[in-house]
PDB file of N, CA and C in Angstrom:
ATOM      1  N   GLU A   1      66.518 -27.949 -85.123  1.00  0.00           N
ATOM      2  CA  GLU A   1      67.169 -27.574 -86.368  1.00  0.00           C
ATOM      3  C   GLU A   1      66.624 -26.231 -86.862  1.00  0.00           C
ATOM      4  N   PHE A   2      65.300 -26.108 -86.896  1.00  0.00           N
ATOM      5  CA  PHE A   2      64.680 -24.868 -87.370  1.00  0.00           C
ATOM      6  C   PHE A   2      65.081 -23.692 -86.488  1.00  0.00           C
ATOM      7  N   LYS A   3      65.055 -23.904 -85.176  1.00  0.00           N
ATOM      8  CA  LYS A   3      65.391 -22.820 -84.246  1.00  0.00           C
ATOM      9  C   LYS A   3      66.838 -22.372 -84.444  1.00  0.00           C
ATOM     10  N   ARG A   4      67.738 -23.345 -84.621  1.00  0.00           N
ATOM     11  CA  ARG A   4      69.152 -23.020 -84.812  1.00  0.00           C
ATOM     12  C   ARG A   4      69.354 -22.234 -86.104  1.00  0.00           C
ATOM     13  N   GLU A   5      68.680 -22.651 -87.160  1.00  0.00           N
ATOM     14  CA  GLU A   5      68.806 -21.943 -88.434  1.00  0.00           C
ATOM     15  C   GLU A   5      68.204 -20.547 -88.358  1.00  0.00           C
ATOM     16  N   ALA A   6      67.080 -20.425 -87.654  1.00  0.00           N
ATOM     17  CA  ALA A   6      66.446 -19.112 -87.498  1.00  0.00           C
ATOM     18  C   ALA A   6      67.357 -18.170 -86.726  1.00  0.00           C
ATOM     19  N   ALA A   7      67.935 -18.653 -85.645  1.00  0.00           N
ATOM     20  CA  ALA A   7      68.853 -17.825 -84.859  1.00  0.00           C
ATOM     21  C   ALA A   7      70.106 -17.503 -85.663  1.00  0.00           C
ATOM     22  N   GLY A   8      70.507 -18.425 -86.524  1.00  0.00           N
ATOM     23  CA  GLY A   8      71.667 -18.197 -87.374  1.00  0.00           C
ATOM     24  C   GLY A   8      71.461 -17.065 -88.362  1.00  0.00           C
ATOM     25  N   LEU A   9      70.225 -16.846 -88.788  1.00  0.00           N
ATOM     26  CA  LEU A   9      69.947 -15.713 -89.683  1.00  0.00           C
ATOM     27  C   LEU A   9      70.343 -14.400 -89.023  1.00  0.00           C
ATOM     28  N   VAL A  10      70.073 -14.287 -87.747  1.00  0.00           N
ATOM     29  CA  VAL A  10      70.389 -13.056 -87.021  1.00  0.00           C
ATOM     30  C   VAL A  10      71.878 -13.000 -86.691  1.00  0.00           C
ATOM     31  N   LEU A  11      72.414 -14.095 -86.163  1.00  0.00           N
ATOM     32  CA  LEU A  11      73.803 -14.084 -85.701  1.00  0.00           C
ATOM     33  C   LEU A  11      74.817 -14.154 -86.839  1.00  0.00           C
ATOM     34  N   ASP A  12      74.569 -15.000 -87.810  1.00  0.00           N
ATOM     35  CA  ASP A  12      75.568 -15.249 -88.851  1.00  0.00           C
ATOM     36  C   ASP A  12      75.367 -14.398 -90.102  1.00  0.00           C
ATOM     37  N   GLN A  13      74.110 -14.137 -90.458  1.00  0.00           N
ATOM     38  CA  GLN A  13      73.852 -13.408 -91.691  1.00  0.00           C
ATOM     39  C   GLN A  13      73.533 -11.944 -91.463  1.00  0.00           C
ATOM     40  N   GLY A  14      73.389 -11.551 -90.208  1.00  0.00           N
ATOM     41  CA  GLY A  14      73.189 -10.143 -89.900  1.00  0.00           C
ATOM     42  C   GLY A  14      71.782  -9.614 -90.095  1.00  0.00           C
ATOM     43  N   ASP A  15      70.808 -10.495 -90.288  1.00  0.00           N
ATOM     44  CA  ASP A  15      69.420 -10.031 -90.390  1.00  0.00           C
ATOM     45  C   ASP A  15      68.979  -9.470 -89.044  1.00  0.00           C
ATOM     46  N   SER A  16      68.051  -8.536 -89.073  1.00  0.00           N
ATOM     47  CA  SER A  16      67.508  -8.020 -87.819  1.00  0.00           C
ATOM     48  C   SER A  16      66.498  -9.029 -87.277  1.00  0.00           C
ATOM     49  N   HIS A  17      66.208  -8.903 -85.997  1.00  0.00           N
ATOM     50  CA  HIS A  17      65.217  -9.788 -85.386  1.00  0.00           C
ATOM     51  C   HIS A  17      63.866  -9.654 -86.086  1.00  0.00           C
ATOM     52  N   ILE A  18      63.513  -8.429 -86.405  1.00  0.00           N
ATOM     53  CA  ILE A  18      62.214  -8.173 -87.035  1.00  0.00           C
ATOM     54  C   ILE A  18      62.154  -8.798 -88.423  1.00  0.00           C
ATOM     55  N   GLU A  19      63.201  -8.561 -89.238  1.00  0.00           N
ATOM     56  CA  GLU A  19      63.225  -9.118 -90.596  1.00  0.00           C
ATOM     57  C   GLU A  19      63.161 -10.644 -90.567  1.00  0.00           C
ATOM     58  N   ALA A  20      63.990 -11.237 -89.729  1.00  0.00           N
ATOM     59  CA  ALA A  20      64.048 -12.699 -89.673  1.00  0.00           C
ATOM     60  C   ALA A  20      62.732 -13.290 -89.178  1.00  0.00           C
ATOM     61  N   SER A  21      62.146 -12.681 -88.149  1.00  0.00           N
ATOM     62  CA  SER A  21      60.886 -13.224 -87.618  1.00  0.00           C
ATOM     63  C   SER A  21      59.762 -13.119 -88.645  1.00  0.00           C
ATOM     64  N   ARG A  22      59.721 -12.036 -89.381  1.00  0.00           N
ATOM     65  CA  ARG A  22      58.684 -11.881 -90.419  1.00  0.00           C
ATOM     66  C   ARG A  22      58.882 -12.882 -91.553  1.00  0.00           C
ATOM     67  N   SER A  23      60.126 -13.039 -91.999  1.00  0.00           N
ATOM     68  CA  SER A  23      60.377 -13.950 -93.119  1.00  0.00           C
ATOM     69  C   SER A  23      60.116 -15.409 -92.739  1.00  0.00           C
ATOM     70  N   LEU A  24      60.293 -15.733 -91.466  1.00  0.00           N
ATOM     71  CA  LEU A  24      60.075 -17.108 -91.019  1.00  0.00           C
ATOM     72  C   LEU A  24      58.667 -17.350 -90.487  1.00  0.00           C
ATOM     73  N   GLY A  25      57.941 -16.262 -90.237  1.00  0.00           N
ATOM     74  CA  GLY A  25      56.586 -16.403 -89.718  1.00  0.00           C
ATOM     75  C   GLY A  25      56.533 -16.803 -88.257  1.00  0.00           C
ATOM     76  N   VAL A  26      57.511 -16.326 -87.485  1.00  0.00           N
ATOM     77  CA  VAL A  26      57.527 -16.612 -86.045  1.00  0.00           C
ATOM     78  C   VAL A  26      57.440 -15.307 -85.269  1.00  0.00           C
ATOM     79  N   VAL A  27      57.059 -15.415 -84.025  1.00  0.00           N
ATOM     80  CA  VAL A  27      56.960 -14.248 -83.158  1.00  0.00           C
ATOM     81  C   VAL A  27      58.368 -13.759 -82.827  1.00  0.00           C
ATOM     82  N   GLU A  28      58.546 -12.451 -82.841  1.00  0.00           N
ATOM     83  CA  GLU A  28      59.875 -11.874 -82.614  1.00  0.00           C
ATOM     84  C   GLU A  28      60.450 -12.263 -81.256  1.00  0.00           C
ATOM     85  N   SER A  29      59.612 -12.322 -80.228  1.00  0.00           N
ATOM     86  CA  SER A  29      60.114 -12.666 -78.890  1.00  0.00           C
ATOM     87  C   SER A  29      60.676 -14.088 -78.855  1.00  0.00           C
ATOM     88  N   ALA A  30      60.052 -15.002 -79.592  1.00  0.00           N
ATOM     89  CA  ALA A  30      60.564 -16.373 -79.659  1.00  0.00           C
ATOM     90  C   ALA A  30      61.921 -16.395 -80.349  1.00  0.00           C
ATOM     91  N   LEU A  31      62.029 -15.656 -81.442  1.00  0.00           N
ATOM     92  CA  LEU A  31      63.299 -15.594 -82.160  1.00  0.00           C
ATOM     93  C   LEU A  31      64.393 -15.006 -81.273  1.00  0.00           C
ATOM     94  N   ARG A  32      64.071 -13.986 -80.502  1.00  0.00           N
ATOM     95  CA  ARG A  32      65.055 -13.388 -79.589  1.00  0.00           C
ATOM     96  C   ARG A  32      65.549 -14.419 -78.567  1.00  0.00           C
ATOM     97  N   ARG A  33      64.638 -15.231 -78.043  1.00  0.00           N
ATOM     98  CA  ARG A  33      65.039 -16.284 -77.096  1.00  0.00           C
ATOM     99  C   ARG A  33      65.986 -17.269 -77.766  1.00  0.00           C
ATOM    100  N   TRP A  34      65.662 -17.675 -78.991  1.00  0.00           N
ATOM    101  CA  TRP A  34      66.506 -18.626 -79.705  1.00  0.00           C
ATOM    102  C   TRP A  34      67.885 -18.040 -79.972  1.00  0.00           C
ATOM    103  N   VAL A  35      67.923 -16.765 -80.345  1.00  0.00           N
ATOM    104  CA  VAL A  35      69.201 -16.095 -80.612  1.00  0.00           C
ATOM    105  C   VAL A  35      70.031 -16.040 -79.333  1.00  0.00           C
ATOM    106  N   ASN A  36      69.404 -15.646 -78.231  1.00  0.00           N
ATOM    107  CA  ASN A  36      70.129 -15.578 -76.958  1.00  0.00           C
ATOM    108  C   ASN A  36      70.644 -16.947 -76.547  1.00  0.00           C
ATOM    109  N   GLN A  37      69.808 -17.968 -76.712  1.00  0.00           N
ATOM    110  CA  GLN A  37      70.223 -19.318 -76.345  1.00  0.00           C
ATOM    111  C   GLN A  37      71.382 -19.784 -77.214  1.00  0.00           C
ATOM    112  N   LEU A  38      71.315 -19.541 -78.513  1.00  0.00           N
ATOM    113  CA  LEU A  38      72.386 -19.961 -79.410  1.00  0.00           C
ATOM    114  C   LEU A  38      73.681 -19.235 -79.079  1.00  0.00           C
ATOM    115  N   GLN A  39      73.602 -17.954 -78.752  1.00  0.00           N
ATOM    116  CA  GLN A  39      74.799 -17.214 -78.350  1.00  0.00           C
ATOM    117  C   GLN A  39      75.424 -17.842 -77.113  1.00  0.00           C
ATOM    118  N   GLN A  40      74.603 -18.170 -76.130  1.00  0.00           N
ATOM    119  CA  GLN A  40      75.118 -18.776 -74.904  1.00  0.00           C
ATOM    120  C   GLN A  40      75.741 -20.138 -75.184  1.00  0.00           C
ATOM    121  N   GLU A  41      75.085 -20.936 -76.006  1.00  0.00           N
ATOM    122  CA  GLU A  41      75.622 -22.256 -76.337  1.00  0.00           C
ATOM    123  C   GLU A  41      76.958 -22.141 -77.058  1.00  0.00           C
ATOM    124  N   ARG A  42      77.067 -21.181 -77.942  1.00  0.00           N
ATOM    125  CA  ARG A  42      78.334 -20.985 -78.655  1.00  0.00           C
ATOM    126  C   ARG A  42      79.444 -20.530 -77.709  1.00  0.00           C
ATOM    127  N   ASN A  43      79.046 -19.918 -76.603  1.00  0.00           N
ATOM    128  CA  ASN A  43      80.018 -19.499 -75.589  1.00  0.00           C
ATOM    129  C   ASN A  43      80.271 -20.596 -74.561  1.00  0.00           C
ATOM    130  N   GLY A  44      79.693 -21.777 -74.764  1.00  0.00           N
ATOM    131  CA  GLY A  44      79.957 -22.914 -73.893  1.00  0.00           C
ATOM    132  C   GLY A  44      79.026 -23.070 -72.713  1.00  0.00           C
ATOM    133  N   VAL A  45      77.962 -22.289 -72.658  1.00  0.00           N
ATOM    134  CA  VAL A  45      77.011 -22.382 -71.550  1.00  0.00           C
ATOM    135  C   VAL A  45      75.967 -23.441 -71.891  1.00  0.00           C
ATOM    136  N   THR A  46      75.814 -24.433 -71.017  1.00  0.00           N
ATOM    137  CA  THR A  46      74.804 -25.462 -71.230  1.00  0.00           C
ATOM    138  C   THR A  46      73.437 -24.902 -70.875  1.00  0.00           C
ATOM    139  N   PRO A  47      72.490 -24.944 -71.806  1.00  0.00           N
ATOM    140  CA  PRO A  47      71.171 -24.351 -71.555  1.00  0.00           C
ATOM    141  C   PRO A  47      70.317 -25.199 -70.624  1.00  0.00           C
ATOM    142  N   GLN A  48      69.350 -24.553 -69.984  1.00  0.00           N
ATOM    143  CA  GLN A  48      68.401 -25.267 -69.133  1.00  0.00           C
ATOM    144  C   GLN A  48      67.344 -25.973 -69.979  1.00  0.00           C
ATOM    145  N   SER A  49      66.995 -25.384 -71.106  1.00  0.00           N
ATOM    146  CA  SER A  49      66.000 -25.993 -71.991  1.00  0.00           C
ATOM    147  C   SER A  49      66.713 -26.885 -73.006  1.00  0.00           C
ATOM    148  N   LYS A  50      65.978 -27.404 -73.954  1.00  0.00           N
ATOM    149  CA  LYS A  50      66.562 -28.274 -74.981  1.00  0.00           C
ATOM    150  C   LYS A  50      67.587 -27.499 -75.795  1.00  0.00           C
ATOM    151  N   ALA A  51      68.754 -28.079 -75.940  1.00  0.00           N
ATOM    152  CA  ALA A  51      69.867 -27.431 -76.627  1.00  0.00           C
ATOM    153  C   ALA A  51      69.596 -27.286 -78.121  1.00  0.00           C
ATOM    154  N   LEU A  52      70.229 -26.276 -78.711  1.00  0.00           N
ATOM    155  CA  LEU A  52      70.101 -26.037 -80.149  1.00  0.00           C
ATOM    156  C   LEU A  52      71.277 -26.625 -80.921  1.00  0.00           C
ATOM    157  N   THR A  53      72.481 -26.509 -80.390  1.00  0.00           N
ATOM    158  CA  THR A  53      73.655 -26.982 -81.118  1.00  0.00           C
ATOM    159  C   THR A  53      73.877 -28.471 -80.861  1.00  0.00           C
ATOM    160  N   PRO A  54      74.420 -29.182 -81.838  1.00  0.00           N
ATOM    161  CA  PRO A  54      74.664 -30.619 -81.659  1.00  0.00           C
ATOM    162  C   PRO A  54      75.581 -30.919 -80.476  1.00  0.00           C
ATOM    163  N   GLU A  55      76.562 -30.064 -80.249  1.00  0.00           N
ATOM    164  CA  GLU A  55      77.485 -30.288 -79.138  1.00  0.00           C
ATOM    165  C   GLU A  55      76.761 -30.208 -77.800  1.00  0.00           C
ATOM    166  N   GLN A  56      75.936 -29.189 -77.640  1.00  0.00           N
ATOM    167  CA  GLN A  56      75.195 -29.031 -76.390  1.00  0.00           C
ATOM    168  C   GLN A  56      74.135 -30.126 -76.247  1.00  0.00           C
ATOM    169  N   GLN A  57      73.561 -30.587 -77.356  1.00  0.00           N
ATOM    170  CA  GLN A  57      72.602 -31.693 -77.297  1.00  0.00           C
ATOM    171  C   GLN A  57      73.289 -32.950 -76.779  1.00  0.00           C
ATOM    172  N   LYS A  58      74.506 -33.204 -77.258  1.00  0.00           N
ATOM    173  CA  LYS A  58      75.262 -34.374 -76.809  1.00  0.00           C
ATOM    174  C   LYS A  58      75.588 -34.261 -75.324  1.00  0.00           C
ATOM    175  N   ILE A  59      75.974 -33.068 -74.879  1.00  0.00           N
ATOM    176  CA  ILE A  59      76.262 -32.856 -73.460  1.00  0.00           C
ATOM    177  C   ILE A  59      75.021 -33.153 -72.628  1.00  0.00           C
ATOM    178  N   GLN A  60      73.864 -32.660 -73.063  1.00  0.00           N
ATOM    179  CA  GLN A  60      72.624 -32.912 -72.325  1.00  0.00           C
ATOM    180  C   GLN A  60      72.289 -34.402 -72.294  1.00  0.00           C
ATOM    181  N   GLU A  61      72.497 -35.101 -73.402  1.00  0.00           N
ATOM    182  CA  GLU A  61      72.244 -36.542 -73.441  1.00  0.00           C
ATOM    183  C   GLU A  61      73.149 -37.273 -72.459  1.00  0.00           C
ATOM    184  N   LEU A  62      74.427 -36.916 -72.440  1.00  0.00           N
ATOM    185  CA  LEU A  62      75.373 -37.573 -71.541  1.00  0.00           C
ATOM    186  C   LEU A  62      75.071 -37.263 -70.081  1.00  0.00           C
ATOM    187  N   GLU A  63      74.682 -36.021 -69.787  1.00  0.00           N
ATOM    188  CA  GLU A  63      74.321 -35.669 -68.413  1.00  0.00           C
ATOM    189  C   GLU A  63      73.099 -36.459 -67.959  1.00  0.00           C
ATOM    190  N   ALA A  64      72.125 -36.635 -68.849  1.00  0.00           N
ATOM    191  CA  ALA A  64      70.934 -37.419 -68.507  1.00  0.00           C
ATOM    192  C   ALA A  64      71.299 -38.881 -68.283  1.00  0.00           C
ATOM    193  N   ARG A  65      72.199 -39.390 -69.093  1.00  0.00           N
ATOM    194  CA  ARG A  65      72.640 -40.780 -68.950  1.00  0.00           C
ATOM    195  C   ARG A  65      73.354 -40.990 -67.626  1.00  0.00           C
ATOM    196  N   ILE A  66      74.214 -40.055 -67.254  1.00  0.00           N
ATOM    197  CA  ILE A  66      74.913 -40.135 -65.968  1.00  0.00           C
ATOM    198  C   ILE A  66      73.910 -40.113 -64.820  1.00  0.00           C
ATOM    199  N   ALA A  67      72.917 -39.237 -64.917  1.00  0.00           N
ATOM    200  CA  ALA A  67      71.902 -39.141 -63.859  1.00  0.00           C
ATOM    201  C   ALA A  67      71.136 -40.457 -63.719  1.00  0.00           C
ATOM    202  N   ARG A  68      70.792 -41.095 -64.854  1.00  0.00           N
ATOM    203  CA  ARG A  68      70.092 -42.387 -64.795  1.00  0.00           C
ATOM    204  C   ARG A  68      70.963 -43.450 -64.142  1.00  0.00           C
ATOM    205  N   ILE A  69      72.233 -43.480 -64.499  1.00  0.00           N
ATOM    206  CA  ILE A  69      73.151 -44.467 -63.922  1.00  0.00           C
ATOM    207  C   ILE A  69      73.310 -44.243 -62.426  1.00  0.00           C
ATOM    208  N   GLU A  70      73.424 -42.985 -62.014  1.00  0.00           N
ATOM    209  CA  GLU A  70      73.548 -42.677 -60.586  1.00  0.00           C
ATOM    210  C   GLU A  70      72.301 -43.118 -59.823  1.00  0.00           C
ATOM    211  N   ARG A  71      71.121 -42.892 -60.398  1.00  0.00           N
ATOM    212  CA  ARG A  71      69.880 -43.339 -59.745  1.00  0.00           C
ATOM    213  C   ARG A  71      69.848 -44.859 -59.646  1.00  0.00           C
ATOM    214  N   PHE A  72      70.284 -45.534 -60.695  1.00  0.00           N
ATOM    215  CA  PHE A  72      70.319 -46.990 -60.696  1.00  0.00           C
ATOM    216  C   PHE A  72      71.271 -47.499 -59.621  1.00  0.00           C
ATOM    217  N   LYS A  73      72.457 -46.902 -59.553  1.00  0.00           N
ATOM    218  CA  LYS A  73      73.441 -47.323 -58.553  1.00  0.00           C
ATOM    219  C   LYS A  73      72.911 -47.116 -57.140  1.00  0.00           C
ATOM    220  N   LYS A  74      72.239 -46.003 -56.924  1.00  0.00           N
ATOM    221  CA  LYS A  74      71.694 -45.710 -55.602  1.00  0.00           C
ATOM    222  C   LYS A  74      70.634 -46.744 -55.226  1.00  0.00           C
ATOM    223  N   GLY A  75      69.781 -47.091 -56.153  1.00  0.00           N
ATOM    224  CA  GLY A  75      68.758 -48.099 -55.904  1.00  0.00           C
ATOM    225  C   GLY A  75      69.349 -49.475 -55.714  1.00  0.00           C
ATOM    226  N   TYR A  76      70.388 -49.782 -56.434  1.00  0.00           N
ATOM    227  CA  TYR A  76      71.054 -51.079 -56.346  1.00  0.00           C
ATOM    228  C   TYR A  76      71.679 -51.251 -54.972  1.00  0.00           C
ATOM    229  N   ARG A  77      72.295 -50.190 -54.448  1.00  0.00           N
ATOM    230  CA  ARG A  77      72.897 -50.252 -53.115  1.00  0.00           C
ATOM    231  C   ARG A  77      71.853 -50.517 -52.045  1.00  0.00           C
ATOM    232  N   ALA A  78      70.669 -49.998 -52.235  1.00  0.00           N
ATOM    233  CA  ALA A  78      69.613 -50.166 -51.238  1.00  0.00           C
ATOM    234  C   ALA A  78      69.138 -51.612 -51.149  1.00  0.00           C
ATOM    235  N   LEU A  79      69.383 -52.395 -52.180  1.00  0.00           N
ATOM    236  CA  LEU A  79      68.948 -53.789 -52.182  1.00  0.00           C
ATOM    237  C   LEU A  79      69.878 -54.703 -51.396  1.00  0.00           C
ATOM    238  N   ASP A  80      71.080 -54.239 -51.081  1.00  0.00           N
ATOM    239  CA  ASP A  80      72.096 -55.056 -50.400  1.00  0.00           C
ATOM    240  C   ASP A  80      72.417 -56.313 -51.201  1.00  0.00           C
ATOM    241  N   VAL A  81      72.451 -56.202 -52.490  1.00  0.00           N
ATOM    242  CA  VAL A  81      72.747 -57.335 -53.354  1.00  0.00           C
ATOM    243  C   VAL A  81      74.198 -57.750 -53.155  1.00  0.00           C
ATOM    244  N   GLY A  82      74.408 -59.049 -53.077  1.00  0.00           N
ATOM    245  CA  GLY A  82      75.766 -59.554 -52.962  1.00  0.00           C
ATOM    246  C   GLY A  82      76.268 -59.680 -51.538  1.00  0.00           C
ATOM    247  N   ARG A  83      75.532 -59.242 -50.582  1.00  0.00           N
ATOM    248  CA  ARG A  83      75.953 -59.370 -49.189  1.00  0.00           C
ATOM    249  C   ARG A  83      75.364 -60.652 -48.613  1.00  0.00           C
ATOM    250  N   SER A  84      76.220 -61.398 -48.000  1.00  0.00           N
ATOM    251  CA  SER A  84      75.719 -62.615 -47.362  1.00  0.00           C
ATOM    252  C   SER A  84      75.370 -62.305 -45.918  1.00  0.00           C
ATOM    253  N   ARG A  85      74.311 -62.903 -45.474  1.00  0.00           N
ATOM    254  CA  ARG A  85      73.869 -62.705 -44.095  1.00  0.00           C
ATOM    255  C   ARG A  85      73.793 -64.068 -43.416  1.00  0.00           C
ATOM    256  N   ALA A  86      74.177 -64.072 -42.186  1.00  0.00           N
ATOM    257  CA  ALA A  86      74.084 -65.302 -41.402  1.00  0.00           C
ATOM    258  C   ALA A  86      72.836 -65.232 -40.539  1.00  0.00           C
ATOM    259  N   PHE A  87      72.101 -66.299 -40.565  1.00  0.00           N
ATOM    260  CA  PHE A  87      70.890 -66.357 -39.759  1.00  0.00           C
ATOM    261  C   PHE A  87      71.063 -67.434 -38.696  1.00  0.00           C
ATOM    262  N   ALA A  88      70.686 -67.119 -37.498  1.00  0.00           N
ATOM    263  CA  ALA A  88      70.760 -68.101 -36.413  1.00  0.00           C
ATOM    264  C   ALA A  88      69.544 -69.011 -36.484  1.00  0.00           C
ATOM    265  N   LEU A  89      69.803 -70.291 -36.352  1.00  0.00           N
ATOM    266  CA  LEU A  89      68.703 -71.256 -36.389  1.00  0.00           C
ATOM    267  C   LEU A  89      68.351 -71.733 -35.028  1.00  0.00           C
TER     268      LEU A  89
END
């Protein structure tokens, strides 16, 4: 939330990186990263790091959920559950 609002000062309110970083007490390079990330997210690019926008956060949550389900399915198949086997006596 803080990162998104900080980046919004630069993108939406027109503050310079220097002004915004000083007023917020953050390092300018960090603010520049947040601004770049927010710009990319607004353009629909899913970030590699933790998302700033709620939409991108939801996308990341859903992608993680899909990955967990795929891992579960792969492990489930390895168990051969539900297959009957005939054994010779």
